[in-house]
Protein backbone atom coordinates (compact mmCIF):
# COMPACT_ATOMS: atom_id res chain seq x y z
CA MET A 1 106.94 -7.08 -20.98
CA LEU A 2 103.60 -5.04 -21.28
CA GLY A 3 105.23 -1.84 -22.85
CA ALA A 4 107.98 -3.81 -25.45
CA THR A 5 105.40 -6.07 -26.11
CA VAL A 6 102.26 -3.62 -26.81
CA MET A 7 103.63 -0.31 -27.61
CA PRO A 8 100.23 1.91 -27.83
CA HIS A 9 102.31 3.99 -30.43
CA ALA A 10 102.26 1.55 -32.40
CA ILE A 11 99.57 0.66 -32.34
CA TYR A 12 97.77 3.29 -33.06
CA LEU A 13 100.41 3.97 -35.80
CA HIS A 14 98.74 1.34 -37.74
CA SER A 15 96.06 3.29 -38.74
CA SER A 16 98.10 5.81 -41.19
CA LEU A 17 100.15 2.53 -41.93
CA VAL A 18 97.35 1.27 -43.78
CA ASN A 19 96.38 4.55 -45.08
CA HIS A 20 98.55 4.79 -46.85
CA ARG A 21 98.93 1.60 -48.10
CA PHE A 22 96.09 1.66 -50.08
CA PRO A 23 95.49 3.62 -52.50
CA GLU A 24 92.74 6.38 -52.37
CA LYS A 25 89.60 4.91 -54.90
CA LYS A 26 90.12 1.35 -52.88
CA ARG A 27 89.69 3.48 -49.17
CA ASN A 28 86.27 1.84 -48.15
CA LEU A 29 86.22 1.41 -43.82
CA THR A 30 85.37 -1.93 -43.68
CA VAL A 31 88.12 -2.86 -45.34
CA LEU A 32 90.47 -0.29 -44.17
CA LEU A 33 90.03 -1.57 -40.31
CA ARG A 34 90.66 -5.52 -41.04
CA ALA A 35 93.77 -4.22 -42.94
CA THR A 36 94.17 -2.55 -40.34
CA LYS A 37 93.26 -5.45 -37.45
CA HIS A 38 95.39 -7.46 -39.18
CA ASP A 39 98.44 -5.96 -39.17
CA VAL A 40 97.72 -5.58 -35.37
CA VAL A 41 97.75 -9.06 -34.36
CA TRP A 42 100.33 -10.10 -36.16
CA ALA A 43 102.68 -7.34 -35.17
CA LEU A 44 101.43 -8.16 -31.47
CA VAL A 45 101.88 -12.31 -32.76
CA ALA A 46 105.87 -11.32 -33.49
CA ALA A 47 106.85 -8.98 -30.97
CA GLY A 48 105.13 -11.05 -28.65
CA THR A 49 106.90 -13.75 -29.50
CA ILE A 50 110.35 -12.28 -29.28
CA ASN A 51 110.09 -11.40 -26.16
CA ILE A 52 109.02 -14.55 -24.88
CA ALA A 53 112.01 -15.88 -26.79
CA LEU A 54 114.33 -13.62 -25.59
CA LEU A 55 113.29 -13.85 -22.20
CA LEU A 56 113.89 -18.28 -21.68
CA LEU A 57 116.89 -17.74 -23.44
CA ALA A 58 117.37 -15.61 -20.81
CA ALA A 59 116.31 -17.97 -18.37
CA SER A 60 117.96 -21.51 -19.17
CA ALA A 61 121.38 -20.14 -19.95
CA LEU A 62 121.30 -17.07 -17.83
CA GLY A 63 120.01 -18.07 -15.21
CA GLY A 64 121.98 -17.59 -11.84
CA VAL A 65 124.61 -15.84 -13.22
CA PRO A 66 125.89 -12.53 -11.01
CA GLY A 67 126.01 -9.13 -13.19
CA THR A 68 123.02 -9.52 -16.02
CA ASP A 69 121.85 -6.34 -14.48
CA SER A 70 123.93 -4.32 -16.54
CA ILE A 71 124.10 -4.61 -20.62
CA GLU A 72 127.38 -4.95 -20.46
CA GLY A 73 127.07 -7.79 -18.04
CA ALA A 74 124.23 -9.40 -19.81
CA HIS A 75 126.56 -8.88 -22.61
CA ALA A 76 129.44 -11.23 -20.88
CA ALA A 77 127.34 -13.51 -19.99
CA ILE A 78 125.64 -14.10 -22.73
CA GLU A 79 129.51 -14.62 -24.45
CA ALA A 80 130.27 -16.94 -22.18
CA ALA A 81 127.68 -19.32 -21.92
CA LEU A 82 126.42 -19.35 -25.94
CA GLY A 83 129.55 -18.02 -28.00
CA PRO A 84 130.62 -14.47 -29.00
CA VAL A 85 128.98 -15.42 -32.01
CA ILE A 86 125.35 -15.08 -30.39
CA GLY A 87 126.98 -12.06 -28.42
CA PHE A 88 127.36 -10.63 -31.74
CA ILE A 89 124.06 -10.85 -32.61
CA PHE A 90 122.87 -9.54 -28.97
CA ALA A 91 124.96 -6.36 -30.02
CA ILE A 92 123.17 -6.14 -33.26
CA GLY A 93 119.91 -6.83 -32.02
CA LEU A 94 119.72 -3.99 -28.98
CA LEU A 95 120.92 -1.61 -31.50
CA ALA A 96 118.19 -2.51 -33.97
CA SER A 97 115.68 -2.50 -31.63
CA GLY A 98 116.98 1.35 -30.65
CA LEU A 99 116.27 2.71 -34.05
CA ALA A 100 113.33 1.32 -34.41
CA SER A 101 111.85 1.79 -31.27
CA THR A 102 112.90 5.70 -31.68
CA SER A 103 112.15 5.33 -35.82
CA VAL A 104 108.83 4.51 -34.94
CA GLY A 105 108.50 6.57 -31.66
CA ALA A 106 108.65 9.40 -34.01
CA TYR A 107 106.12 8.23 -36.80
CA ALA A 108 102.90 7.68 -34.35
CA GLY A 109 104.33 11.24 -32.91
CA SER A 110 104.20 12.85 -36.30
CA GLU A 111 101.63 11.13 -37.51
CA ILE A 112 98.96 11.71 -34.71
CA MET A 113 99.61 15.45 -34.06
CA ALA A 114 99.28 15.43 -38.03
CA GLY A 115 95.51 14.33 -37.03
CA LEU A 116 94.81 15.35 -34.05
CA LEU A 117 96.35 18.63 -33.95
CA HIS A 118 97.07 19.34 -37.58
CA VAL A 119 100.53 20.16 -36.85
CA ARG A 120 103.21 18.92 -39.30
CA ILE A 121 107.15 19.29 -38.20
CA PRO A 122 110.13 18.84 -40.54
CA VAL A 123 111.71 15.78 -40.20
CA VAL A 124 115.05 17.08 -39.28
CA TRP A 125 113.57 18.54 -35.71
CA ARG A 126 111.62 15.25 -35.67
CA ARG A 127 114.74 13.88 -35.62
CA ALA A 128 116.25 16.31 -33.42
CA ILE A 129 113.76 15.91 -30.48
CA THR A 130 113.31 12.85 -30.24
CA LEU A 131 116.69 11.54 -30.39
CA VAL A 132 118.41 14.59 -28.52
CA PRO A 133 117.28 13.51 -24.75
CA ALA A 134 117.80 10.24 -25.25
CA LEU A 135 121.63 11.07 -26.34
CA ILE A 136 121.79 13.66 -23.34
CA LEU A 137 120.32 10.63 -20.29
CA VAL A 138 122.47 8.01 -21.82
CA TRP A 139 125.76 10.61 -22.25
CA LEU A 140 125.24 12.24 -18.27
CA TYR A 141 123.41 9.15 -16.19
CA PRO A 142 125.22 7.24 -13.96
CA ASP A 143 123.49 4.18 -14.79
CA PRO A 144 122.76 3.36 -18.35
CA SER A 145 120.51 -0.06 -17.41
CA TRP A 146 118.69 1.67 -15.36
CA ALA A 147 117.90 4.20 -17.16
CA LEU A 148 116.79 1.16 -19.99
CA VAL A 149 114.84 -0.11 -17.18
CA LEU A 150 113.46 3.36 -15.50
CA SER A 151 112.28 3.39 -20.08
CA GLN A 152 110.14 0.72 -20.20
CA VAL A 153 108.44 1.44 -16.69
CA ALA A 154 107.87 5.04 -18.41
CA LEU A 155 106.05 2.70 -21.77
CA SER A 156 104.69 0.34 -19.76
CA PHE A 157 102.60 3.41 -18.03
CA GLY A 158 101.62 4.85 -20.73
CA ILE A 159 99.38 1.74 -21.91
CA PRO A 160 96.40 3.21 -19.76
CA PHE A 161 96.47 6.46 -20.85
CA ALA A 162 95.70 4.57 -24.87
CA ILE A 163 93.97 1.82 -23.86
CA ILE A 164 91.38 3.74 -22.02
CA PRO A 165 90.53 6.44 -24.30
CA LEU A 166 90.73 3.43 -27.02
CA ALA A 167 87.70 1.71 -25.09
CA SER A 168 85.65 4.98 -24.69
CA PHE A 169 85.59 6.05 -28.07
CA THR A 170 85.10 2.53 -29.47
CA ARG A 171 82.44 1.96 -27.74
CA LYS A 172 80.72 5.26 -28.76
CA ALA A 173 77.47 4.91 -31.87
CA GLU A 174 78.16 8.06 -32.50
CA VAL A 175 82.35 7.13 -33.51
CA MET A 176 82.07 4.18 -34.02
CA GLY A 177 78.80 3.54 -36.30
CA LYS A 178 77.82 0.04 -36.87
CA TRP A 179 81.34 -0.77 -35.78
CA LYS A 180 81.64 0.23 -32.42
CA ASP A 181 82.18 -2.89 -29.87
CA GLY A 182 79.12 -4.79 -28.56
CA THR A 183 78.32 -5.29 -24.51
CA ALA A 184 81.26 -8.35 -24.78
CA MET A 185 83.49 -6.61 -26.04
CA ARG A 186 82.85 -3.51 -23.21
CA TRP A 187 83.13 -6.04 -21.06
CA ALA A 188 86.69 -7.52 -21.87
CA MET A 189 88.31 -3.78 -22.83
CA SER A 190 87.65 -2.58 -19.17
CA ILE A 191 88.57 -5.90 -17.41
CA ILE A 192 91.71 -5.66 -19.53
CA SER A 193 91.85 -1.99 -18.71
CA LEU A 194 91.77 -2.58 -15.03
CA LEU A 195 94.21 -5.58 -15.18
CA ILE A 196 96.70 -2.97 -17.02
CA VAL A 197 96.26 -0.37 -14.49
CA ALA A 198 96.72 -2.81 -11.57
CA LEU A 199 99.63 -3.72 -13.59
CA ASN A 200 101.84 -0.56 -13.67
CA LEU A 201 100.73 0.43 -9.71
CA LEU A 202 102.29 -2.73 -8.71
CA LEU A 203 105.18 -2.21 -11.23
CA ILE A 204 106.03 1.25 -10.21
CA TYR A 205 105.78 -0.16 -6.55
CA LEU A 206 108.00 -2.69 -7.26
CA THR A 207 110.18 -0.64 -8.60
CA PHE A 208 110.95 2.41 -7.13
CA ILE A 209 109.76 1.50 -3.37
CA GLU A 210 111.68 -2.51 -3.29
């Protein structure tokens, strides 16, 4: 849930998106920081609401239904419980989610590489690098549903590698100037970082050991 909602690469992408949205003459730091904050908050609220709604729907309509541990089984159970229209919407939602995740990941990767490494890769190569490994994995792996679970575990485990450097940089005056984190924010970020690391270690234990 954390990995699917927070998506650190998407959060970092917002700082690039607000740069493109404002004309260069209006790009003062105060405006950009305020726009980034609003973008990230609304994105997290929307993503969190959708994910929680999906979980509540599944818990209320599919609780105790066998076979829902696979995509095919979940689709069949949804059709049986809620009708073919909802089943069709579920399938379209999965397709849209995959396309959106791939697009956001490729866009975020290209912007981060351009900003930090000063490397730009042609769009065709970016699409190939992001799509081909995923297609090969789905084609070769015997259980696509388990591959999806592992991808979400990997995505969730990536959050500490984003949030810990972020907490480190935003508390430094030489980086943030007058916008650096205050004492309360520093403590909150430290607690959140430790909590996320602990949850991810628990997730890995439950996934691979139990």
